[in-house]
Amino acid sequence: MLANANAMNESNHNTDPIPEEFKTLADAADFWDTHSLSDYWEETQEVEIGVRASRRQWVPLATHVASRALVQAQQEGVSLETLVNLWVAERLEIAG
């Protein structure tokens, strides 16, 4: 029975070659949605990347203000952070 289970696992592995280049992010996502990186581990290489992230300033809100804003955000289908940022930007007349 164990031999059959191993054979089934081996037949389910997708070992298609990794495309040299993906035309779109969606193509890359489709490929990796159906393939396991563990099947390609030997083809990987270590890289170093730099990341630049904008700093954020956190502003505490009074509990009653945050509660009412959260209800409004949920009604509008956005996060509390997004809603508050939009409100402050509107008030300060800041575009996007």
PDB file of N, CA and C in Angstrom:
ATOM      1  N   MET A   1       0.818  -1.192   0.000  1.00  0.00           N
ATOM      2  CA  MET A   1       0.000   0.000   0.000  1.00  0.00           C
ATOM      3  C   MET A   1       0.866   1.261   0.000  1.00  0.00           C
ATOM      4  N   LEU A   2       1.988   1.250   0.731  1.00  0.00           N
ATOM      5  CA  LEU A   2       2.879   2.406   0.797  1.00  0.00           C
ATOM      6  C   LEU A   2       3.467   2.722  -0.567  1.00  0.00           C
ATOM      7  N   ALA A   3       3.820   1.715  -1.345  1.00  0.00           N
ATOM      8  CA  ALA A   3       4.373   1.927  -2.678  1.00  0.00           C
ATOM      9  C   ALA A   3       3.363   2.634  -3.570  1.00  0.00           C
ATOM     10  N   ASN A   4       2.082   2.272  -3.473  1.00  0.00           N
ATOM     11  CA  ASN A   4       1.045   2.934  -4.257  1.00  0.00           C
ATOM     12  C   ASN A   4       0.881   4.390  -3.856  1.00  0.00           C
ATOM     13  N   ALA A   5       0.965   4.681  -2.571  1.00  0.00           N
ATOM     14  CA  ALA A   5       0.838   6.060  -2.102  1.00  0.00           C
ATOM     15  C   ALA A   5       1.995   6.904  -2.630  1.00  0.00           C
ATOM     16  N   ASN A   6       3.216   6.350  -2.590  1.00  0.00           N
ATOM     17  CA  ASN A   6       4.372   7.075  -3.111  1.00  0.00           C
ATOM     18  C   ASN A   6       4.243   7.307  -4.608  1.00  0.00           C
ATOM     19  N   ALA A   7       3.754   6.337  -5.334  1.00  0.00           N
ATOM     20  CA  ALA A   7       3.579   6.486  -6.779  1.00  0.00           C
ATOM     21  C   ALA A   7       2.558   7.571  -7.083  1.00  0.00           C
ATOM     22  N   MET A   8       1.489   7.618  -6.281  1.00  0.00           N
ATOM     23  CA  MET A   8       0.478   8.657  -6.481  1.00  0.00           C
ATOM     24  C   MET A   8       1.068  10.027  -6.226  1.00  0.00           C
ATOM     25  N   ASN A   9       1.862  10.174  -5.161  1.00  0.00           N
ATOM     26  CA  ASN A   9       2.473  11.462  -4.860  1.00  0.00           C
ATOM     27  C   ASN A   9       3.402  11.904  -5.975  1.00  0.00           C
ATOM     28  N   GLU A  10       4.198  10.960  -6.507  1.00  0.00           N
ATOM     29  CA  GLU A  10       5.128  11.298  -7.573  1.00  0.00           C
ATOM     30  C   GLU A  10       4.386  11.705  -8.834  1.00  0.00           C
ATOM     31  N   SER A  11       3.266  11.064  -9.143  1.00  0.00           N
ATOM     32  CA  SER A  11       2.534  11.396 -10.357  1.00  0.00           C
ATOM     33  C   SER A  11       1.835  12.747 -10.234  1.00  0.00           C
ATOM     34  N   ASN A  12       1.587  13.221  -9.000  1.00  0.00           N
ATOM     35  CA  ASN A  12       0.923  14.504  -8.806  1.00  0.00           C
ATOM     36  C   ASN A  12       1.893  15.679  -8.862  1.00  0.00           C
ATOM     37  N   HIS A  13       3.205  15.409  -8.799  1.00  0.00           N
ATOM     38  CA  HIS A  13       4.173  16.500  -8.832  1.00  0.00           C
ATOM     39  C   HIS A  13       4.239  17.100 -10.219  1.00  0.00           C
ATOM     40  N   ASN A  14       4.118  18.429 -10.293  1.00  0.00           N
ATOM     41  CA  ASN A  14       4.298  19.136 -11.553  1.00  0.00           C
ATOM     42  C   ASN A  14       5.742  19.605 -11.616  1.00  0.00           C
ATOM     43  N   THR A  15       6.481  19.071 -12.549  1.00  0.00           N
ATOM     44  CA  THR A  15       7.873  19.485 -12.679  1.00  0.00           C
ATOM     45  C   THR A  15       8.116  20.097 -14.051  1.00  0.00           C
ATOM     46  N   ASP A  16       7.155  20.847 -14.537  1.00  0.00           N
ATOM     47  CA  ASP A  16       7.338  21.581 -15.779  1.00  0.00           C
ATOM     48  C   ASP A  16       8.507  22.540 -15.596  1.00  0.00           C
ATOM     49  N   PRO A  17       9.234  22.830 -16.655  1.00  0.00           N
ATOM     50  CA  PRO A  17      10.317  23.808 -16.504  1.00  0.00           C
ATOM     51  C   PRO A  17       9.749  25.184 -16.156  1.00  0.00           C
ATOM     52  N   ILE A  18      10.493  25.912 -15.342  1.00  0.00           N
ATOM     53  CA  ILE A  18      10.081  27.278 -15.005  1.00  0.00           C
ATOM     54  C   ILE A  18      10.312  28.139 -16.240  1.00  0.00           C
ATOM     55  N   PRO A  19       9.329  28.886 -16.678  1.00  0.00           N
ATOM     56  CA  PRO A  19       9.544  29.772 -17.824  1.00  0.00           C
ATOM     57  C   PRO A  19      10.694  30.747 -17.535  1.00  0.00           C
ATOM     58  N   GLU A  20      11.484  31.048 -18.560  1.00  0.00           N
ATOM     59  CA  GLU A  20      12.593  31.986 -18.365  1.00  0.00           C
ATOM     60  C   GLU A  20      12.079  33.359 -17.983  1.00  0.00           C
ATOM     61  N   GLU A  21      10.901  33.690 -18.495  1.00  0.00           N
ATOM     62  CA  GLU A  21      10.309  34.991 -18.180  1.00  0.00           C
ATOM     63  C   GLU A  21       8.797  34.860 -18.222  1.00  0.00           C
ATOM     64  N   PHE A  22       8.129  35.500 -17.281  1.00  0.00           N
ATOM     65  CA  PHE A  22       6.674  35.540 -17.286  1.00  0.00           C
ATOM     66  C   PHE A  22       6.248  36.850 -17.944  1.00  0.00           C
ATOM     67  N   LYS A  23       5.243  36.798 -18.795  1.00  0.00           N
ATOM     68  CA  LYS A  23       4.786  38.013 -19.482  1.00  0.00           C
ATOM     69  C   LYS A  23       4.089  38.974 -18.527  1.00  0.00           C
ATOM     70  N   THR A  24       3.372  38.407 -17.549  1.00  0.00           N
ATOM     71  CA  THR A  24       2.632  39.235 -16.595  1.00  0.00           C
ATOM     72  C   THR A  24       2.754  38.632 -15.205  1.00  0.00           C
ATOM     73  N   LEU A  25       2.424  39.427 -14.208  1.00  0.00           N
ATOM     74  CA  LEU A  25       2.376  38.905 -12.846  1.00  0.00           C
ATOM     75  C   LEU A  25       1.320  37.816 -12.720  1.00  0.00           C
ATOM     76  N   ALA A  26       0.232  37.968 -13.471  1.00  0.00           N
ATOM     77  CA  ALA A  26      -0.825  36.956 -13.435  1.00  0.00           C
ATOM     78  C   ALA A  26      -0.309  35.612 -13.956  1.00  0.00           C
ATOM     79  N   ASP A  27       0.538  35.653 -15.001  1.00  0.00           N
ATOM     80  CA  ASP A  27       1.120  34.407 -15.521  1.00  0.00           C
ATOM     81  C   ASP A  27       2.005  33.744 -14.461  1.00  0.00           C
ATOM     82  N   ALA A  28       2.799  34.541 -13.767  1.00  0.00           N
ATOM     83  CA  ALA A  28       3.654  34.006 -12.703  1.00  0.00           C
ATOM     84  C   ALA A  28       2.793  33.415 -11.592  1.00  0.00           C
ATOM     85  N   ALA A  29       1.750  34.137 -11.215  1.00  0.00           N
ATOM     86  CA  ALA A  29       0.852  33.650 -10.152  1.00  0.00           C
ATOM     87  C   ALA A  29       0.190  32.342 -10.563  1.00  0.00           C
ATOM     88  N   ASP A  30      -0.264  32.266 -11.817  1.00  0.00           N
ATOM     89  CA  ASP A  30      -0.896  31.027 -12.296  1.00  0.00           C
ATOM     90  C   ASP A  30       0.078  29.861 -12.224  1.00  0.00           C
ATOM     91  N   PHE A  31       1.332  30.097 -12.623  1.00  0.00           N
ATOM     92  CA  PHE A  31       2.326  29.033 -12.582  1.00  0.00           C
ATOM     93  C   PHE A  31       2.538  28.550 -11.160  1.00  0.00           C
ATOM     94  N   TRP A  32       2.788  29.497 -10.230  1.00  0.00           N
ATOM     95  CA  TRP A  32       3.108  29.096  -8.859  1.00  0.00           C
ATOM     96  C   TRP A  32       1.881  28.620  -8.080  1.00  0.00           C
ATOM     97  N   ASP A  33       0.680  28.938  -8.554  1.00  0.00           N
ATOM     98  CA  ASP A  33      -0.522  28.375  -7.941  1.00  0.00           C
ATOM     99  C   ASP A  33      -0.637  26.881  -8.206  1.00  0.00           C
ATOM    100  N   THR A  34      -0.001  26.407  -9.275  1.00  0.00           N
ATOM    101  CA  THR A  34      -0.125  25.007  -9.648  1.00  0.00           C
ATOM    102  C   THR A  34       1.186  24.232  -9.522  1.00  0.00           C
ATOM    103  N   HIS A  35       2.236  24.871  -9.005  1.00  0.00           N
ATOM    104  CA  HIS A  35       3.532  24.230  -8.844  1.00  0.00           C
ATOM    105  C   HIS A  35       4.083  24.527  -7.459  1.00  0.00           C
ATOM    106  N   SER A  36       4.869  23.613  -6.937  1.00  0.00           N
ATOM    107  CA  SER A  36       5.446  23.797  -5.609  1.00  0.00           C
ATOM    108  C   SER A  36       6.917  24.211  -5.729  1.00  0.00           C
ATOM    109  N   LEU A  37       7.284  25.240  -4.987  1.00  0.00           N
ATOM    110  CA  LEU A  37       8.678  25.680  -4.990  1.00  0.00           C
ATOM    111  C   LEU A  37       9.608  24.561  -4.547  1.00  0.00           C
ATOM    112  N   SER A  38       9.124  23.677  -3.694  1.00  0.00           N
ATOM    113  CA  SER A  38       9.975  22.580  -3.221  1.00  0.00           C
ATOM    114  C   SER A  38      10.432  21.687  -4.378  1.00  0.00           C
ATOM    115  N   ASP A  39       9.676  21.639  -5.467  1.00  0.00           N
ATOM    116  CA  ASP A  39      10.079  20.853  -6.634  1.00  0.00           C
ATOM    117  C   ASP A  39      11.190  21.539  -7.427  1.00  0.00           C
ATOM    118  N   TYR A  40      11.427  22.811  -7.160  1.00  0.00           N
ATOM    119  CA  TYR A  40      12.390  23.599  -7.926  1.00  0.00           C
ATOM    120  C   TYR A  40      13.498  24.172  -7.040  1.00  0.00           C
ATOM    121  N   TRP A  41      13.572  23.705  -5.807  1.00  0.00           N
ATOM    122  CA  TRP A  41      14.491  24.300  -4.832  1.00  0.00           C
ATOM    123  C   TRP A  41      15.928  24.336  -5.330  1.00  0.00           C
ATOM    124  N   GLU A  42      16.353  23.295  -6.025  1.00  0.00           N
ATOM    125  CA  GLU A  42      17.736  23.228  -6.522  1.00  0.00           C
ATOM    126  C   GLU A  42      18.016  24.300  -7.579  1.00  0.00           C
ATOM    127  N   GLU A  43      16.986  24.869  -8.168  1.00  0.00           N
ATOM    128  CA  GLU A  43      17.152  25.893  -9.195  1.00  0.00           C
ATOM    129  C   GLU A  43      17.168  27.309  -8.617  1.00  0.00           C
ATOM    130  N   THR A  44      16.963  27.431  -7.317  1.00  0.00           N
ATOM    131  CA  THR A  44      16.926  28.762  -6.710  1.00  0.00           C
ATOM    132  C   THR A  44      18.330  29.248  -6.383  1.00  0.00           C
ATOM    133  N   GLN A  45      18.435  30.550  -6.213  1.00  0.00           N
ATOM    134  CA  GLN A  45      19.696  31.127  -5.780  1.00  0.00           C
ATOM    135  C   GLN A  45      19.400  32.275  -4.826  1.00  0.00           C
ATOM    136  N   GLU A  46      20.336  32.498  -3.935  1.00  0.00           N
ATOM    137  CA  GLU A  46      20.174  33.556  -2.956  1.00  0.00           C
ATOM    138  C   GLU A  46      20.399  34.908  -3.625  1.00  0.00           C
ATOM    139  N   VAL A  47      19.542  35.861  -3.311  1.00  0.00           N
ATOM    140  CA  VAL A  47      19.687  37.217  -3.841  1.00  0.00           C
ATOM    141  C   VAL A  47      19.542  38.207  -2.702  1.00  0.00           C
ATOM    142  N   GLU A  48      20.071  39.370  -2.910  1.00  0.00           N
ATOM    143  CA  GLU A  48      19.936  40.438  -1.928  1.00  0.00           C
ATOM    144  C   GLU A  48      19.136  41.562  -2.572  1.00  0.00           C
ATOM    145  N   ILE A  49      18.122  42.032  -1.862  1.00  0.00           N
ATOM    146  CA  ILE A  49      17.308  43.115  -2.401  1.00  0.00           C
ATOM    147  C   ILE A  49      17.208  44.227  -1.370  1.00  0.00           C
ATOM    148  N   GLY A  50      17.009  45.418  -1.857  1.00  0.00           N
ATOM    149  CA  GLY A  50      16.772  46.549  -0.968  1.00  0.00           C
ATOM    150  C   GLY A  50      15.307  46.941  -1.036  1.00  0.00           C
ATOM    151  N   VAL A  51      14.769  47.332   0.081  1.00  0.00           N
ATOM    152  CA  VAL A  51      13.365  47.717   0.146  1.00  0.00           C
ATOM    153  C   VAL A  51      13.277  49.112   0.739  1.00  0.00           C
ATOM    154  N   ARG A  52      12.557  49.950   0.064  1.00  0.00           N
ATOM    155  CA  ARG A  52      12.301  51.291   0.586  1.00  0.00           C
ATOM    156  C   ARG A  52      10.829  51.377   0.946  1.00  0.00           C
ATOM    157  N   ALA A  53      10.568  51.608   2.178  1.00  0.00           N
ATOM    158  CA  ALA A  53       9.181  51.735   2.630  1.00  0.00           C
ATOM    159  C   ALA A  53       9.016  53.119   3.244  1.00  0.00           C
ATOM    160  N   SER A  54       7.910  53.739   2.891  1.00  0.00           N
ATOM    161  CA  SER A  54       7.672  55.054   3.464  1.00  0.00           C
ATOM    162  C   SER A  54       7.365  54.926   4.949  1.00  0.00           C
ATOM    163  N   ARG A  55       7.838  55.882   5.688  1.00  0.00           N
ATOM    164  CA  ARG A  55       7.575  55.874   7.128  1.00  0.00           C
ATOM    165  C   ARG A  55       6.147  56.321   7.378  1.00  0.00           C
ATOM    166  N   ARG A  56       5.594  55.801   8.418  1.00  0.00           N
ATOM    167  CA  ARG A  56       4.228  56.174   8.794  1.00  0.00           C
ATOM    168  C   ARG A  56       4.255  56.847  10.151  1.00  0.00           C
ATOM    169  N   GLN A  57       3.344  57.740  10.321  1.00  0.00           N
ATOM    170  CA  GLN A  57       3.175  58.409  11.593  1.00  0.00           C
ATOM    171  C   GLN A  57       1.862  57.915  12.185  1.00  0.00           C
ATOM    172  N   TRP A  58       1.910  57.391  13.382  1.00  0.00           N
ATOM    173  CA  TRP A  58       0.706  56.885  14.029  1.00  0.00           C
ATOM    174  C   TRP A  58       0.141  57.964  14.934  1.00  0.00           C
ATOM    175  N   VAL A  59      -1.148  58.203  14.797  1.00  0.00           N
ATOM    176  CA  VAL A  59      -1.834  59.216  15.590  1.00  0.00           C
ATOM    177  C   VAL A  59      -2.944  58.529  16.373  1.00  0.00           C
ATOM    178  N   PRO A  60      -2.848  58.556  17.688  1.00  0.00           N
ATOM    179  CA  PRO A  60      -3.908  57.911  18.476  1.00  0.00           C
ATOM    180  C   PRO A  60      -5.227  58.679  18.363  1.00  0.00           C
ATOM    181  N   LEU A  61      -6.304  57.945  18.310  1.00  0.00           N
ATOM    182  CA  LEU A  61      -7.638  58.536  18.271  1.00  0.00           C
ATOM    183  C   LEU A  61      -8.333  58.282  19.598  1.00  0.00           C
ATOM    184  N   ALA A  62      -9.150  59.218  19.981  1.00  0.00           N
ATOM    185  CA  ALA A  62      -9.982  58.995  21.168  1.00  0.00           C
ATOM    186  C   ALA A  62     -10.863  57.779  20.893  1.00  0.00           C
ATOM    187  N   THR A  63     -11.123  57.001  21.910  1.00  0.00           N
ATOM    188  CA  THR A  63     -11.866  55.749  21.755  1.00  0.00           C
ATOM    189  C   THR A  63     -13.213  55.972  21.090  1.00  0.00           C
ATOM    190  N   HIS A  64     -13.946  56.982  21.514  1.00  0.00           N
ATOM    191  CA  HIS A  64     -15.277  57.195  20.934  1.00  0.00           C
ATOM    192  C   HIS A  64     -15.176  57.629  19.465  1.00  0.00           C
ATOM    193  N   VAL A  65     -14.144  58.367  19.107  1.00  0.00           N
ATOM    194  CA  VAL A  65     -13.946  58.772  17.707  1.00  0.00           C
ATOM    195  C   VAL A  65     -13.586  57.549  16.863  1.00  0.00           C
ATOM    196  N   ALA A  66     -12.670  56.730  17.368  1.00  0.00           N
ATOM    197  CA  ALA A  66     -12.256  55.534  16.644  1.00  0.00           C
ATOM    198  C   ALA A  66     -13.432  54.579  16.454  1.00  0.00           C
ATOM    199  N   SER A  67     -14.271  54.442  17.457  1.00  0.00           N
ATOM    200  CA  SER A  67     -15.425  53.543  17.369  1.00  0.00           C
ATOM    201  C   SER A  67     -16.392  53.989  16.285  1.00  0.00           C
ATOM    202  N   ARG A  68     -16.692  55.278  16.270  1.00  0.00           N
ATOM    203  CA  ARG A  68     -17.631  55.783  15.250  1.00  0.00           C
ATOM    204  C   ARG A  68     -17.018  55.730  13.864  1.00  0.00           C
ATOM    205  N   ALA A  69     -15.717  56.010  13.767  1.00  0.00           N
ATOM    206  CA  ALA A  69     -15.046  55.950  12.468  1.00  0.00           C
ATOM    207  C   ALA A  69     -15.000  54.513  11.957  1.00  0.00           C
ATOM    208  N   LEU A  70     -14.816  53.557  12.853  1.00  0.00           N
ATOM    209  CA  LEU A  70     -14.784  52.147  12.458  1.00  0.00           C
ATOM    210  C   LEU A  70     -16.129  51.717  11.881  1.00  0.00           C
ATOM    211  N   VAL A  71     -17.217  52.134  12.499  1.00  0.00           N
ATOM    212  CA  VAL A  71     -18.551  51.811  11.981  1.00  0.00           C
ATOM    213  C   VAL A  71     -18.708  52.390  10.575  1.00  0.00           C
ATOM    214  N   GLN A  72     -18.288  53.637  10.389  1.00  0.00           N
ATOM    215  CA  GLN A  72     -18.369  54.290   9.077  1.00  0.00           C
ATOM    216  C   GLN A  72     -17.509  53.554   8.047  1.00  0.00           C
ATOM    217  N   ALA A  73     -16.301  53.175   8.448  1.00  0.00           N
ATOM    218  CA  ALA A  73     -15.397  52.458   7.539  1.00  0.00           C
ATOM    219  C   ALA A  73     -16.016  51.133   7.102  1.00  0.00           C
ATOM    220  N   GLN A  74     -16.600  50.399   8.031  1.00  0.00           N
ATOM    221  CA  GLN A  74     -17.238  49.125   7.699  1.00  0.00           C
ATOM    222  C   GLN A  74     -18.398  49.337   6.737  1.00  0.00           C
ATOM    223  N   GLN A  75     -19.168  50.394   6.942  1.00  0.00           N
ATOM    224  CA  GLN A  75     -20.286  50.690   6.048  1.00  0.00           C
ATOM    225  C   GLN A  75     -19.795  51.019   4.641  1.00  0.00           C
ATOM    226  N   GLU A  76     -18.630  51.650   4.556  1.00  0.00           N
ATOM    227  CA  GLU A  76     -18.080  52.027   3.254  1.00  0.00           C
ATOM    228  C   GLU A  76     -17.201  50.928   2.652  1.00  0.00           C
ATOM    229  N   GLY A  77     -16.950  49.873   3.421  1.00  0.00           N
ATOM    230  CA  GLY A  77     -16.168  48.755   2.914  1.00  0.00           C
ATOM    231  C   GLY A  77     -14.678  49.031   2.790  1.00  0.00           C
ATOM    232  N   VAL A  78     -14.159  49.889   3.658  1.00  0.00           N
ATOM    233  CA  VAL A  78     -12.727  50.186   3.665  1.00  0.00           C
ATOM    234  C   VAL A  78     -12.193  50.002   5.074  1.00  0.00           C
ATOM    235  N   SER A  79     -10.867  50.006   5.204  1.00  0.00           N
ATOM    236  CA  SER A  79     -10.280  49.881   6.533  1.00  0.00           C
ATOM    237  C   SER A  79     -10.397  51.210   7.274  1.00  0.00           C
ATOM    238  N   LEU A  80     -10.297  51.126   8.572  1.00  0.00           N
ATOM    239  CA  LEU A  80     -10.315  52.329   9.397  1.00  0.00           C
ATOM    240  C   LEU A  80      -9.183  53.264   8.995  1.00  0.00           C
ATOM    241  N   GLU A  81      -7.991  52.700   8.752  1.00  0.00           N
ATOM    242  CA  GLU A  81      -6.835  53.504   8.380  1.00  0.00           C
ATOM    243  C   GLU A  81      -7.075  54.251   7.073  1.00  0.00           C
ATOM    244  N   THR A  82      -7.667  53.568   6.101  1.00  0.00           N
ATOM    245  CA  THR A  82      -7.954  54.204   4.805  1.00  0.00           C
ATOM    246  C   THR A  82      -8.942  55.337   4.977  1.00  0.00           C
ATOM    247  N   LEU A  83     -10.005  55.087   5.717  1.00  0.00           N
ATOM    248  CA  LEU A  83     -11.025  56.110   5.911  1.00  0.00           C
ATOM    249  C   LEU A  83     -10.446  57.344   6.603  1.00  0.00           C
ATOM    250  N   VAL A  84      -9.700  57.146   7.672  1.00  0.00           N
ATOM    251  CA  VAL A  84      -9.136  58.273   8.409  1.00  0.00           C
ATOM    252  C   VAL A  84      -8.147  59.035   7.533  1.00  0.00           C
ATOM    253  N   ASN A  85      -7.320  58.324   6.765  1.00  0.00           N
ATOM    254  CA  ASN A  85      -6.386  58.995   5.857  1.00  0.00           C
ATOM    255  C   ASN A  85      -7.126  59.835   4.821  1.00  0.00           C
ATOM    256  N   LEU A  86      -8.215  59.307   4.284  1.00  0.00           N
ATOM    257  CA  LEU A  86      -9.005  60.066   3.309  1.00  0.00           C
ATOM    258  C   LEU A  86      -9.604  61.314   3.945  1.00  0.00           C
ATOM    259  N   TRP A  87     -10.151  61.172   5.134  1.00  0.00           N
ATOM    260  CA  TRP A  87     -10.748  62.316   5.824  1.00  0.00           C
ATOM    261  C   TRP A  87      -9.712  63.405   6.101  1.00  0.00           C
ATOM    262  N   VAL A  88      -8.569  63.005   6.608  1.00  0.00           N
ATOM    263  CA  VAL A  88      -7.536  63.997   6.933  1.00  0.00           C
ATOM    264  C   VAL A  88      -7.034  64.654   5.656  1.00  0.00           C
ATOM    265  N   ALA A  89      -6.816  63.868   4.599  1.00  0.00           N
ATOM    266  CA  ALA A  89      -6.352  64.430   3.328  1.00  0.00           C
ATOM    267  C   ALA A  89      -7.366  65.416   2.769  1.00  0.00           C
ATOM    268  N   GLU A  90      -8.653  65.078   2.855  1.00  0.00           N
ATOM    269  CA  GLU A  90      -9.701  65.999   2.392  1.00  0.00           C
ATOM    270  C   GLU A  90      -9.680  67.293   3.194  1.00  0.00           C
ATOM    271  N   ARG A  91      -9.573  67.163   4.487  1.00  0.00           N
ATOM    272  CA  ARG A  91      -9.574  68.339   5.355  1.00  0.00           C
ATOM    273  C   ARG A  91      -8.368  69.247   5.075  1.00  0.00           C
ATOM    274  N   LEU A  92      -7.232  68.627   4.786  1.00  0.00           N
ATOM    275  CA  LEU A  92      -6.011  69.391   4.514  1.00  0.00           C
ATOM    276  C   LEU A  92      -5.874  69.722   3.037  1.00  0.00           C
ATOM    277  N   GLU A  93      -6.878  69.317   2.249  1.00  0.00           N
ATOM    278  CA  GLU A  93      -6.883  69.556   0.800  1.00  0.00           C
ATOM    279  C   GLU A  93      -5.630  68.988   0.146  1.00  0.00           C
ATOM    280  N   ILE A  94      -5.323  67.728   0.490  1.00  0.00           N
ATOM    281  CA  ILE A  94      -4.173  67.032  -0.073  1.00  0.00           C
ATOM    282  C   ILE A  94      -4.710  66.054  -1.120  1.00  0.00           C
ATOM    283  N   ALA A  95      -4.146  66.108  -2.322  1.00  0.00           N
ATOM    284  CA  ALA A  95      -4.566  65.187  -3.382  1.00  0.00           C
ATOM    285  C   ALA A  95      -3.849  63.862  -3.211  1.00  0.00           C
ATOM    286  N   GLY A  96      -4.611  62.738  -3.499  1.00  0.00           N
ATOM    287  CA  GLY A  96      -4.115  61.382  -3.540  1.00  0.00           C
ATOM    288  C   GLY A  96      -2.928  61.147  -2.723  1.00  0.00           C
TER     289      GLY A  96
END
